């Protein structure tokens, strides 16, 4: 697994849509341009919602890491 230098980690495991995405949006607002964030989410809806929102908001989805009981989204703030 690739190691990332993550500035902000959002642990939204156990939270349901739209919770994980709302927490990610809040974290992105606090991050500096170019910083990496990670979102931990166990909600299956996040798999569609987060990539769609990132594309619309023009931030970069670096990787989705599928773990045993949740997914880890690596996101780069682009602007």
C-alpha atoms as a PDB file:
ATOM      1  CA  UNK A   1       0.000   0.000   0.000  1.00  0.00           C
ATOM      2  CA  UNK A   2       1.274   3.464  -0.893  1.00  0.00           C
ATOM      3  CA  UNK A   3       2.095   5.752   2.011  1.00  0.00           C
ATOM      4  CA  UNK A   4       0.661   9.260   1.720  1.00  0.00           C
ATOM      5  CA  UNK A   5       1.648  12.403   3.599  1.00  0.00           C
ATOM      6  CA  UNK A   6      -1.878  13.254   4.738  1.00  0.00           C
ATOM      7  CA  UNK A   7      -2.471  16.679   6.305  1.00  0.00           C
ATOM      8  CA  UNK A   8      -6.015  16.010   7.545  1.00  0.00           C
ATOM      9  CA  UNK A   9      -7.692  12.672   8.274  1.00  0.00           C
ATOM     10  CA  UNK A  10     -11.481  12.547   8.529  1.00  0.00           C
ATOM     11  CA  UNK A  11     -12.817   9.467  10.302  1.00  0.00           C
ATOM     12  CA  UNK A  12     -16.457   9.183   9.231  1.00  0.00           C
ATOM     13  CA  UNK A  13     -16.801   5.443   9.864  1.00  0.00           C
ATOM     14  CA  UNK A  14     -20.269   4.730  11.229  1.00  0.00           C
ATOM     15  CA  UNK A  15     -21.654   7.936   9.694  1.00  0.00           C
ATOM     16  CA  UNK A  16     -24.200   7.622   6.895  1.00  0.00           C
ATOM     17  CA  UNK A  17     -24.725   9.645   3.739  1.00  0.00           C
ATOM     18  CA  UNK A  18     -24.460  12.561   3.400  1.00  0.00           C
ATOM     19  CA  UNK A  19     -22.417  12.719   6.633  1.00  0.00           C
ATOM     20  CA  UNK A  20     -19.044  11.497   5.303  1.00  0.00           C
ATOM     21  CA  UNK A  21     -19.174  13.866   2.336  1.00  0.00           C
ATOM     22  CA  UNK A  22     -20.197  16.827   4.528  1.00  0.00           C
ATOM     23  CA  UNK A  23     -17.249  16.097   6.840  1.00  0.00           C
ATOM     24  CA  UNK A  24     -14.900  15.895   3.841  1.00  0.00           C
ATOM     25  CA  UNK A  25     -16.163  19.228   2.464  1.00  0.00           C
ATOM     26  CA  UNK A  26     -15.569  20.870   5.854  1.00  0.00           C
ATOM     27  CA  UNK A  27     -12.014  19.457   5.966  1.00  0.00           C
ATOM     28  CA  UNK A  28     -11.244  20.562   2.389  1.00  0.00           C
ATOM     29  CA  UNK A  29     -12.215  24.128   3.323  1.00  0.00           C
ATOM     30  CA  UNK A  30      -9.605  24.022   6.117  1.00  0.00           C
ATOM     31  CA  UNK A  31      -6.835  22.458   4.005  1.00  0.00           C
ATOM     32  CA  UNK A  32      -4.232  24.300   1.981  1.00  0.00           C
ATOM     33  CA  UNK A  33      -4.097  23.922  -1.812  1.00  0.00           C
ATOM     34  CA  UNK A  34      -2.041  20.853  -2.701  1.00  0.00           C
ATOM     35  CA  UNK A  35      -2.516  19.130   0.662  1.00  0.00           C
ATOM     36  CA  UNK A  36      -3.722  15.539   0.887  1.00  0.00           C
ATOM     37  CA  UNK A  37      -6.694  14.510   2.987  1.00  0.00           C
ATOM     38  CA  UNK A  38      -7.980  11.074   3.813  1.00  0.00           C
ATOM     39  CA  UNK A  39     -11.591  10.136   4.434  1.00  0.00           C
ATOM     40  CA  UNK A  40     -12.440   6.894   6.213  1.00  0.00           C
ATOM     41  CA  UNK A  41     -15.995   5.783   5.476  1.00  0.00           C
ATOM     42  CA  UNK A  42     -17.954   2.585   5.985  1.00  0.00           C
ATOM     43  CA  UNK A  43     -21.018   3.935   4.128  1.00  0.00           C
ATOM     44  CA  UNK A  44     -21.477   2.378   0.677  1.00  0.00           C
ATOM     45  CA  UNK A  45     -23.153   5.531  -0.680  1.00  0.00           C
ATOM     46  CA  UNK A  46     -19.856   7.344  -0.240  1.00  0.00           C
ATOM     47  CA  UNK A  47     -18.380   5.244  -3.070  1.00  0.00           C
ATOM     48  CA  UNK A  48     -20.566   7.118  -5.574  1.00  0.00           C
ATOM     49  CA  UNK A  49     -21.098  10.454  -3.843  1.00  0.00           C
ATOM     50  CA  UNK A  50     -17.521  11.427  -3.013  1.00  0.00           C
ATOM     51  CA  UNK A  51     -15.964  10.786  -6.475  1.00  0.00           C
ATOM     52  CA  UNK A  52     -18.889  12.609  -8.146  1.00  0.00           C
ATOM     53  CA  UNK A  53     -18.585  15.613  -5.816  1.00  0.00           C
ATOM     54  CA  UNK A  54     -14.793  15.782  -6.178  1.00  0.00           C
ATOM     55  CA  UNK A  55     -15.104  15.831  -9.965  1.00  0.00           C
ATOM     56  CA  UNK A  56     -17.754  18.565  -9.824  1.00  0.00           C
ATOM     57  CA  UNK A  57     -15.741  20.603  -7.291  1.00  0.00           C
ATOM     58  CA  UNK A  58     -12.546  20.026  -9.309  1.00  0.00           C
ATOM     59  CA  UNK A  59     -10.514  18.390  -6.555  1.00  0.00           C
ATOM     60  CA  UNK A  60      -8.442  15.269  -7.225  1.00  0.00           C
ATOM     61  CA  UNK A  61      -9.353  11.759  -6.092  1.00  0.00           C
ATOM     62  CA  UNK A  62      -5.890  10.220  -5.732  1.00  0.00           C
ATOM     63  CA  UNK A  63      -6.929   6.723  -4.654  1.00  0.00           C
ATOM     64  CA  UNK A  64      -9.667   4.671  -3.012  1.00  0.00           C
ATOM     65  CA  UNK A  65      -8.231   1.999  -0.760  1.00  0.00           C
ATOM     66  CA  UNK A  66     -10.654  -0.819   0.048  1.00  0.00           C
ATOM     67  CA  UNK A  67     -10.033  -2.065   3.575  1.00  0.00           C
ATOM     68  CA  UNK A  68     -11.752  -4.819   5.524  1.00  0.00           C
ATOM     69  CA  UNK A  69     -14.643  -2.849   7.018  1.00  0.00           C
ATOM     70  CA  UNK A  70     -14.329   0.570   5.348  1.00  0.00           C
ATOM     71  CA  UNK A  71     -12.832   2.497   2.454  1.00  0.00           C
ATOM     72  CA  UNK A  72     -10.071   5.096   2.642  1.00  0.00           C
ATOM     73  CA  UNK A  73     -10.315   7.946   0.133  1.00  0.00           C
ATOM     74  CA  UNK A  74      -7.135   9.928  -0.576  1.00  0.00           C
ATOM     75  CA  UNK A  75      -8.041  13.396  -1.842  1.00  0.00           C
ATOM     76  CA  UNK A  76      -5.886  16.315  -3.027  1.00  0.00           C
ATOM     77  CA  UNK A  77      -7.191  19.859  -2.625  1.00  0.00           C
ATOM     78  CA  UNK A  78      -6.726  21.402  -6.060  1.00  0.00           C
ATOM     79  CA  UNK A  79      -7.780  25.033  -5.592  1.00  0.00           C
END
